[in-house]
């Protein structure tokens, strides 16, 4: 296991918590919570060592476009960069969707 930490500046508020995905073969779980700080803090726990630069590029690309103030925890079991980006977008959508939260 490897644990990585990243921070990005943020100007927008994340409306609500979100939890998407599952930790399993080739997938990952993302927990996203609003933060009072003007930044996003990301903790990645991954089963695949040596991909810190790849994680940094994928996360920087995402949080440059979506600058939400959040605390993000990612539990990874070998997901590809495309899956990581998809799950992050899904978590952001869930955090902004009132209909899902009212069920």
Protein backbone atom coordinates (compact mmCIF):
# COMPACT_ATOMS: atom_id res chain seq x y z
CA UNK A 1 0.00 0.00 0.00
CA UNK A 2 1.08 3.54 -0.73
CA UNK A 3 -0.50 6.73 0.62
CA UNK A 4 -0.22 9.96 -1.37
CA UNK A 5 -1.24 13.49 -0.38
CA UNK A 6 -2.15 16.38 -2.69
CA UNK A 7 -3.55 19.92 -2.26
CA UNK A 8 -5.14 22.29 -4.78
CA UNK A 9 -6.52 25.82 -4.41
CA UNK A 10 -10.31 26.13 -4.60
CA UNK A 11 -12.86 28.92 -4.96
CA UNK A 12 -16.18 27.05 -5.09
CA UNK A 13 -18.05 25.34 -2.27
CA UNK A 14 -18.92 21.66 -2.50
CA UNK A 15 -22.64 21.44 -1.60
CA UNK A 16 -22.78 18.01 0.08
CA UNK A 17 -20.88 14.84 0.86
CA UNK A 18 -20.60 12.13 -1.76
CA UNK A 19 -19.53 8.49 -1.73
CA UNK A 20 -19.11 6.63 -5.02
CA UNK A 21 -17.48 3.43 -6.20
CA UNK A 22 -16.24 0.36 -4.40
CA UNK A 23 -12.78 -0.91 -3.71
CA UNK A 24 -12.41 -4.05 -5.77
CA UNK A 25 -10.41 -5.49 -8.60
CA UNK A 26 -9.44 -2.60 -10.86
CA UNK A 27 -11.73 -0.03 -9.24
CA UNK A 28 -11.76 2.60 -6.53
CA UNK A 29 -13.89 4.36 -3.96
CA UNK A 30 -14.12 8.13 -3.53
CA UNK A 31 -15.38 9.95 -0.47
CA UNK A 32 -15.79 13.70 -1.03
CA UNK A 33 -16.76 16.12 1.76
CA UNK A 34 -17.18 19.91 1.82
CA UNK A 35 -14.31 21.88 3.35
CA UNK A 36 -14.34 25.31 5.00
CA UNK A 37 -10.83 25.92 3.69
CA UNK A 38 -10.20 27.48 0.27
CA UNK A 39 -8.48 24.35 -0.98
CA UNK A 40 -8.98 20.72 -1.82
CA UNK A 41 -7.04 18.14 0.14
CA UNK A 42 -6.76 14.70 -1.45
CA UNK A 43 -5.53 11.53 0.22
CA UNK A 44 -4.97 8.55 -2.06
CA UNK A 45 -4.49 5.06 -0.63
CA UNK A 46 -3.47 2.76 -3.44
CA UNK A 47 -2.44 -0.85 -3.77
CA UNK A 48 -0.17 0.03 -6.70
CA UNK A 49 3.13 1.68 -5.77
CA UNK A 50 5.17 4.00 -7.98
CA UNK A 51 2.42 5.98 -9.73
CA UNK A 52 2.60 9.22 -7.74
CA UNK A 53 3.37 11.33 -10.82
CA UNK A 54 0.42 9.84 -12.68
CA UNK A 55 -1.90 10.52 -9.74
CA UNK A 56 -0.60 14.10 -9.52
CA UNK A 57 -1.33 14.76 -13.20
CA UNK A 58 -4.82 13.21 -13.16
CA UNK A 59 -5.84 15.04 -9.98
CA UNK A 60 -4.33 18.37 -11.02
CA UNK A 61 -6.18 18.22 -14.33
CA UNK A 62 -9.49 17.47 -12.60
CA UNK A 63 -9.21 20.02 -9.78
CA UNK A 64 -7.99 22.76 -12.10
CA UNK A 65 -11.29 22.50 -13.96
CA UNK A 66 -13.44 21.72 -10.87
CA UNK A 67 -12.00 23.93 -8.15
CA UNK A 68 -14.28 22.85 -5.31
CA UNK A 69 -13.20 23.16 -1.68
CA UNK A 70 -13.28 19.58 -0.44
CA UNK A 71 -11.63 16.86 1.54
CA UNK A 72 -11.27 13.87 -0.75
CA UNK A 73 -10.31 10.33 0.19
CA UNK A 74 -9.58 7.87 -2.58
CA UNK A 75 -9.16 4.15 -1.91
CA UNK A 76 -7.71 2.56 -5.03
CA UNK A 77 -7.27 -1.02 -6.16
CA UNK A 78 -5.54 -0.46 -9.50
CA UNK A 79 -7.98 1.82 -11.34
CA UNK A 80 -6.88 3.39 -14.62
CA UNK A 81 -6.62 7.21 -14.97
CA UNK A 82 -9.84 7.19 -16.99
CA UNK A 83 -11.73 5.43 -14.21
CA UNK A 84 -10.29 7.84 -11.63
CA UNK A 85 -11.50 10.83 -13.64
CA UNK A 86 -14.92 9.25 -14.17
CA UNK A 87 -15.35 8.49 -10.45
CA UNK A 88 -14.27 12.02 -9.47
CA UNK A 89 -16.84 13.47 -11.89
CA UNK A 90 -19.46 11.09 -10.52
CA UNK A 91 -18.72 12.14 -6.92
CA UNK A 92 -18.98 15.80 -7.89
CA UNK A 93 -22.31 15.16 -9.61
CA UNK A 94 -23.68 13.22 -6.62
CA UNK A 95 -22.67 16.04 -4.27
CA UNK A 96 -24.67 18.50 -6.38
CA UNK A 97 -27.75 16.37 -7.08
CA UNK A 98 -30.62 17.05 -4.66
CA UNK A 99 -32.82 14.30 -6.14
CA UNK A 100 -30.37 11.54 -5.22
CA UNK A 101 -30.03 12.79 -1.66
CA UNK A 102 -33.78 13.02 -1.05
CA UNK A 103 -34.47 9.34 -1.76
